[in-house]
Amino acid sequence: MNIDKMILGYNLSQKKKVTIGNYMIKFHRRKVSKKQYDYLYVIEIFFMNSLIKRGIFSEYGNAVDFAGEFLYSLL
């Protein structure tokens, strides 16, 4: 695992929306159940305002890896 990719993904999760050139990446957190602290993490990647890729994860670490991997490929 590359620490640079994890840092990029973590920063995206804190900012919620990052735009690089024509790409826009959004990071959402959705609560699944009212009684427990279960969340779904949704990463959406847009190119010129059209959705090209979406990742839905139940674990925060996997969502950060997915987002960081894509951001790293853009840089």
C-alpha atoms as a PDB file:
ATOM      1  CA  MET A   1       0.000   0.000   0.000  1.00  0.00           C
ATOM      2  CA  ASN A   2       1.372   3.376  -0.966  1.00  0.00           C
ATOM      3  CA  ILE A   3       1.206   6.017   1.772  1.00  0.00           C
ATOM      4  CA  ASP A   4       0.917   8.829  -0.798  1.00  0.00           C
ATOM      5  CA  LYS A   5      -2.299   7.342  -2.179  1.00  0.00           C
ATOM      6  CA  MET A   6      -3.731   6.943   1.304  1.00  0.00           C
ATOM      7  CA  ILE A   7      -2.934  10.563   2.171  1.00  0.00           C
ATOM      8  CA  LEU A   8      -4.604  11.781  -1.039  1.00  0.00           C
ATOM      9  CA  GLY A   9      -7.694   9.679  -0.314  1.00  0.00           C
ATOM     10  CA  TYR A  10      -7.854  10.882   3.284  1.00  0.00           C
ATOM     11  CA  ASN A  11      -7.596  14.526   2.204  1.00  0.00           C
ATOM     12  CA  LEU A  12     -10.411  13.980  -0.296  1.00  0.00           C
ATOM     13  CA  SER A  13     -12.597  12.460   2.419  1.00  0.00           C
ATOM     14  CA  GLN A  14     -12.068  15.579   4.535  1.00  0.00           C
ATOM     15  CA  LYS A  15     -12.752  18.046   1.697  1.00  0.00           C
ATOM     16  CA  LYS A  16     -15.753  16.108   0.256  1.00  0.00           C
ATOM     17  CA  LYS A  17     -15.236  17.494  -3.286  1.00  0.00           C
ATOM     18  CA  VAL A  18     -12.071  17.996  -5.315  1.00  0.00           C
ATOM     19  CA  THR A  19     -11.788  19.320  -8.868  1.00  0.00           C
ATOM     20  CA  ILE A  20      -8.688  18.620 -10.974  1.00  0.00           C
ATOM     21  CA  GLY A  21      -8.946  19.862 -14.544  1.00  0.00           C
ATOM     22  CA  ASN A  22     -12.116  18.387 -16.063  1.00  0.00           C
ATOM     23  CA  TYR A  23     -12.431  15.753 -13.320  1.00  0.00           C
ATOM     24  CA  MET A  24     -14.498  16.207 -10.178  1.00  0.00           C
ATOM     25  CA  ILE A  25     -14.387  13.655  -7.351  1.00  0.00           C
ATOM     26  CA  LYS A  26     -17.017  13.622  -4.590  1.00  0.00           C
ATOM     27  CA  PHE A  27     -16.845  11.727  -1.314  1.00  0.00           C
ATOM     28  CA  HIS A  28     -20.129  11.050   0.538  1.00  0.00           C
ATOM     29  CA  ARG A  29     -20.948   9.247   3.766  1.00  0.00           C
ATOM     30  CA  ARG A  30     -24.450   7.813   4.195  1.00  0.00           C
ATOM     31  CA  LYS A  31     -25.840   6.396   7.427  1.00  0.00           C
ATOM     32  CA  VAL A  32     -27.335   2.935   6.909  1.00  0.00           C
ATOM     33  CA  SER A  33     -29.087   2.202  10.204  1.00  0.00           C
ATOM     34  CA  LYS A  34     -30.493   4.474  12.884  1.00  0.00           C
ATOM     35  CA  LYS A  35     -29.535   2.313  15.869  1.00  0.00           C
ATOM     36  CA  GLN A  36     -25.923   1.535  14.994  1.00  0.00           C
ATOM     37  CA  TYR A  37     -23.098   3.526  13.530  1.00  0.00           C
ATOM     38  CA  ASP A  38     -23.112   1.804  10.142  1.00  0.00           C
ATOM     39  CA  TYR A  39     -22.175   3.931   7.153  1.00  0.00           C
ATOM     40  CA  LEU A  40     -21.771   3.525   3.421  1.00  0.00           C
ATOM     41  CA  TYR A  41     -19.042   5.533   1.746  1.00  0.00           C
ATOM     42  CA  VAL A  42     -19.762   6.625  -1.832  1.00  0.00           C
ATOM     43  CA  ILE A  43     -17.109   8.007  -4.164  1.00  0.00           C
ATOM     44  CA  GLU A  44     -18.322   9.493  -7.447  1.00  0.00           C
ATOM     45  CA  ILE A  45     -15.990  10.480 -10.278  1.00  0.00           C
ATOM     46  CA  PHE A  46     -17.235  12.925 -12.901  1.00  0.00           C
ATOM     47  CA  PHE A  47     -15.628  13.952 -16.183  1.00  0.00           C
ATOM     48  CA  MET A  48     -17.055  17.139 -17.667  1.00  0.00           C
ATOM     49  CA  ASN A  49     -20.100  16.861 -15.367  1.00  0.00           C
ATOM     50  CA  SER A  50     -21.019  13.305 -16.389  1.00  0.00           C
ATOM     51  CA  LEU A  51     -20.596  10.388 -14.004  1.00  0.00           C
ATOM     52  CA  ILE A  52     -17.947   7.942 -15.212  1.00  0.00           C
ATOM     53  CA  LYS A  53     -17.291   5.829 -12.118  1.00  0.00           C
ATOM     54  CA  ARG A  54     -18.859   5.188  -8.724  1.00  0.00           C
ATOM     55  CA  GLY A  55     -17.529   3.196  -5.798  1.00  0.00           C
ATOM     56  CA  ILE A  56     -19.680   2.155  -2.827  1.00  0.00           C
ATOM     57  CA  PHE A  57     -17.895   0.794   0.251  1.00  0.00           C
ATOM     58  CA  SER A  58     -18.872  -0.307   3.727  1.00  0.00           C
ATOM     59  CA  GLU A  59     -15.383   0.288   5.145  1.00  0.00           C
ATOM     60  CA  TYR A  60     -13.722   3.686   5.318  1.00  0.00           C
ATOM     61  CA  GLY A  61     -10.260   2.323   4.508  1.00  0.00           C
ATOM     62  CA  ASN A  62     -11.381   0.791   1.222  1.00  0.00           C
ATOM     63  CA  ALA A  63     -13.089   4.034   0.210  1.00  0.00           C
ATOM     64  CA  VAL A  64      -9.938   6.031   0.975  1.00  0.00           C
ATOM     65  CA  ASP A  65      -7.840   3.586  -1.079  1.00  0.00           C
ATOM     66  CA  PHE A  66     -10.215   3.844  -4.056  1.00  0.00           C
ATOM     67  CA  ALA A  67     -10.259   7.650  -3.987  1.00  0.00           C
ATOM     68  CA  GLY A  68      -6.508   7.929  -3.449  1.00  0.00           C
ATOM     69  CA  GLU A  69      -5.750   5.534  -6.300  1.00  0.00           C
ATOM     70  CA  PHE A  70      -7.770   7.623  -8.749  1.00  0.00           C
ATOM     71  CA  LEU A  71      -6.372  10.952  -7.533  1.00  0.00           C
ATOM     72  CA  TYR A  72      -2.840   9.578  -7.780  1.00  0.00           C
ATOM     73  CA  SER A  73      -3.457   8.530 -11.394  1.00  0.00           C
ATOM     74  CA  LEU A  74      -4.516  12.097 -12.254  1.00  0.00           C
ATOM     75  CA  LEU A  75      -1.378  13.699 -10.815  1.00  0.00           C
END
